[in-house]
Protein backbone atom coordinates (compact mmCIF):
# COMPACT_ATOMS: atom_id res chain seq x y z
CA MET A 1 4.84 -121.64 -51.43
CA THR A 2 4.93 -119.01 -54.14
CA MET A 3 6.68 -119.18 -57.47
CA THR A 4 9.45 -116.77 -56.36
CA ASP A 5 10.25 -118.97 -53.36
CA GLU A 6 10.49 -122.00 -55.67
CA ILE A 7 12.78 -120.15 -58.06
CA ASN A 8 14.97 -118.89 -55.25
CA SER A 9 15.43 -122.40 -53.85
CA VAL A 10 16.22 -123.76 -57.33
CA GLU A 11 18.69 -120.93 -57.98
CA LEU A 12 20.32 -121.41 -54.60
CA ALA A 13 20.60 -125.17 -55.12
CA THR A 14 22.10 -124.55 -58.57
CA GLU A 15 24.64 -122.07 -57.22
CA LEU A 16 25.64 -124.47 -54.45
CA THR A 17 26.06 -127.30 -56.96
CA ILE A 18 28.19 -125.10 -59.24
CA ALA A 19 30.37 -124.15 -56.25
CA TRP A 20 30.72 -127.81 -55.32
CA LEU A 21 31.74 -128.75 -58.84
CA GLY A 22 34.14 -125.76 -59.01
CA ASN A 23 36.14 -127.15 -56.07
CA PRO A 24 39.33 -128.73 -57.44
CA ASN A 25 39.19 -131.46 -54.78
CA THR A 26 35.78 -132.70 -55.94
CA ARG A 27 36.06 -135.72 -58.19
CA THR A 28 32.78 -136.76 -59.72
CA SER A 29 31.37 -138.01 -62.96
CA ALA A 30 28.77 -136.25 -65.08
CA ASP A 31 26.19 -138.91 -64.09
CA ASP A 32 26.39 -137.89 -60.40
CA VAL A 33 25.64 -134.19 -60.98
CA PRO A 34 21.82 -134.45 -61.46
CA ALA A 35 21.44 -136.57 -58.35
CA PHE A 36 23.54 -134.13 -56.34
CA LEU A 37 21.53 -131.16 -57.68
CA LEU A 38 18.29 -132.89 -56.70
CA SER A 39 19.52 -133.67 -53.19
CA MET A 40 20.81 -130.10 -52.81
CA HIS A 41 17.40 -128.75 -53.90
CA ARG A 42 15.65 -130.93 -51.28
CA ALA A 43 18.05 -129.74 -48.62
CA VAL A 44 17.47 -126.07 -49.49
CA LYS A 45 13.70 -126.60 -49.54
CA SER A 46 13.75 -128.27 -46.13
CA LEU A 47 15.68 -125.34 -44.72
CA ASP A 48 13.20 -122.89 -46.22
CA ALA A 49 10.08 -124.79 -45.13
CA PRO A 50 8.42 -123.92 -41.84
CA ALA A 51 9.38 -126.19 -39.01
CA ALA A 52 7.17 -129.24 -39.21
CA PRO A 53 6.21 -130.93 -36.01
CA GLU A 54 8.63 -133.72 -35.28
CA ALA A 55 7.48 -137.18 -36.04
CA GLU A 56 6.16 -138.85 -32.96
CA THR A 57 8.97 -140.48 -31.14
CA ALA A 58 8.51 -144.00 -29.98
CA PRO A 59 6.68 -143.96 -26.68
CA THR A 60 9.04 -144.53 -23.83
CA GLN A 61 8.71 -148.02 -22.54
CA ASP A 62 7.60 -148.21 -18.95
CA TYR A 63 9.83 -150.67 -17.15
CA THR A 64 8.44 -152.46 -14.13
CA PRO A 65 11.11 -153.55 -11.67
CA ALA A 66 11.31 -157.23 -10.73
CA VAL A 67 11.71 -156.26 -7.06
CA SER A 68 11.30 -153.13 -4.96
CA VAL A 69 14.23 -150.85 -4.19
CA ARG A 70 14.08 -151.84 -0.53
CA LYS A 71 14.18 -155.55 -1.35
CA SER A 72 17.02 -155.11 -3.85
CA LEU A 73 19.23 -153.67 -1.10
CA ALA A 74 17.97 -155.87 1.77
CA SER A 75 21.07 -158.09 1.97
CA LYS A 76 24.66 -157.01 2.57
CA ASP A 77 25.92 -159.99 0.56
CA HIS A 78 24.27 -159.15 -2.78
CA ILE A 79 22.15 -156.65 -4.71
CA ILE A 80 19.06 -157.97 -6.44
CA SER A 81 18.75 -156.77 -10.03
CA MET A 82 15.56 -154.95 -10.92
CA ILE A 83 15.86 -156.32 -14.45
CA ASP A 84 15.62 -160.03 -13.71
CA GLY A 85 15.32 -160.33 -9.92
CA LYS A 86 18.56 -162.30 -9.52
CA PRO A 87 21.22 -161.54 -6.88
CA TYR A 88 24.62 -160.17 -7.92
CA LYS A 89 27.68 -159.04 -5.94
CA THR A 90 28.26 -156.34 -8.54
CA LEU A 91 25.77 -155.10 -11.13
CA ARG A 92 28.20 -153.59 -13.64
CA ARG A 93 28.79 -156.68 -15.78
CA HIS A 94 25.11 -157.63 -15.58
CA LEU A 95 24.11 -154.18 -16.78
CA SER A 96 26.59 -154.18 -19.65
CA THR A 97 25.25 -157.51 -20.90
CA ASN A 98 21.82 -155.87 -20.98
CA GLY A 99 23.17 -152.83 -22.83
CA LEU A 100 22.89 -150.42 -19.91
CA THR A 101 25.22 -148.15 -18.01
CA PRO A 102 24.75 -147.54 -14.28
CA GLU A 103 23.29 -144.12 -15.11
CA ASP A 104 20.80 -145.66 -17.57
CA TYR A 105 19.80 -148.28 -14.99
CA ARG A 106 19.23 -145.62 -12.34
CA ALA A 107 17.21 -143.50 -14.78
CA ARG A 108 15.14 -146.47 -16.00
CA TYR A 109 13.97 -147.35 -12.49
CA ASN A 110 13.98 -143.80 -11.03
CA LEU A 111 16.75 -144.57 -8.55
CA LYS A 112 18.81 -142.00 -6.66
CA ALA A 113 22.27 -141.11 -7.94
CA ASP A 114 23.89 -142.80 -4.93
CA TYR A 115 22.18 -146.17 -5.49
CA PRO A 116 25.00 -148.73 -5.10
CA MET A 117 26.21 -150.95 -7.91
CA VAL A 118 28.26 -153.21 -5.60
CA ALA A 119 27.13 -155.26 -2.58
CA GLU A 120 28.29 -153.92 0.78
CA SER A 121 30.16 -157.08 1.91
CA TYR A 122 31.92 -157.36 -1.48
CA SER A 123 32.99 -153.74 -1.24
CA GLU A 124 34.36 -154.26 2.27
CA ALA A 125 36.28 -157.37 1.19
CA ARG A 126 37.84 -155.49 -1.72
CA ARG A 127 38.69 -152.58 0.58
CA ALA A 128 40.41 -154.88 3.08
CA MET A 129 42.38 -156.58 0.31
CA ALA A 130 43.50 -153.22 -1.08
CA LYS A 131 44.69 -152.12 2.35
CA THR A 132 46.68 -155.31 2.88
CA ILE A 133 48.57 -154.88 -0.39
CA GLY A 134 49.22 -151.24 0.45
CA LEU A 135 47.01 -149.34 -1.95
CA GLY A 136 46.13 -145.80 -0.90
CA ARG A 137 49.40 -145.06 0.89
CA LYS A 138 51.63 -142.17 0.08
CA PRO A 139 55.10 -143.00 -1.27
CA GLY A 140 57.60 -143.67 1.51
CA GLN A 141 54.91 -144.50 4.04
CA SER A 142 55.43 -147.95 5.54
CA THR A 143 52.71 -150.47 6.21
CA LYS A 144 54.14 -151.51 9.60
CA GLN A 145 53.73 -149.35 12.67
CA GLU A 146 56.81 -147.88 14.27
CA PRO A 147 57.96 -149.85 17.36
CA GLN A 148 57.03 -148.25 20.65
CA PRO A 149 59.94 -147.05 22.82
CA ALA A 150 60.58 -149.33 25.80
CA THR A 151 59.36 -148.11 29.16
CA ALA A 152 61.42 -148.10 32.38
CA LYS A 153 59.82 -151.34 33.60
CA THR A 154 60.70 -153.31 30.49
CA LYS A 155 64.30 -152.08 30.14
CA ARG A 156 66.92 -154.69 30.88
CA THR A 157 70.50 -154.03 31.53
CA LEU A 158 72.79 -156.13 29.48
CA LYS A 159 76.00 -157.43 31.06
CA PRO A 160 79.09 -157.45 28.93
CA ALA A 161 80.21 -160.88 27.80
CA PHE A 162 83.69 -160.40 29.27
CA GLU A 163 84.34 -158.61 32.53
CA PRO A 164 87.89 -157.74 33.46
CA THR A 165 88.93 -159.09 36.81
CA ALA A 166 91.14 -157.47 39.40
CA GLN A 167 93.91 -159.99 38.75
CA ALA A 168 94.21 -159.00 35.12
CA ASP A 169 94.68 -155.40 36.13
CA SER A 170 97.43 -156.08 38.68
CA GLY A 171 99.77 -157.46 36.06
CA GLU A 172 100.45 -160.81 37.72
C-alpha cells in the first residue's frame, strides 16, 4: 500500500466520522469519537484491500447413517431414524430435538426430496380419521350418500287406514 492510499483511507474515514457526528440524531460523548474513528478507518481499509482468501471454513462433518435407506423404510409401521437407528411413526419431532429440519435431514444423508417423514400405516390411519370427521369436503357436501330410489320390485302399496264402505255412502 502506498502513502497516498493510506492518506485517502484516513481522509475518507475522517470525513465519514465528521458526517456521523454532524447528524443531529447521533448522541455520543467525546470519549467515543476516537474509537469510532478507528473502527471507521479499519472498515475503509478492509474495503480498499484486495479480497483476501476466506478463512478455511470448518470441514463439513461426514455423517454415517445408523441404517441404510432401504432398511429405514422396510416397515409400514415405522421409519427407522438414520441418526440413532430407532423406529418412529413420525420423524418431525425427533428431528427437531436434534436441531434439524426435514430438508436438513435429507441433505445430511443424501436422501431424495420425496423421502417420507411419516410411517405409511400412521399416515393411512390419520387419513381415515380425517375422512370420518369430514375434512376435505366442500361446504354443503354431506357425508352420507343419497338414498337410492326404490325399484319396482321393492315398491309396496300402502292401504289407507280407513276405507269407506258402501253402507256409509248409501246414507242409511
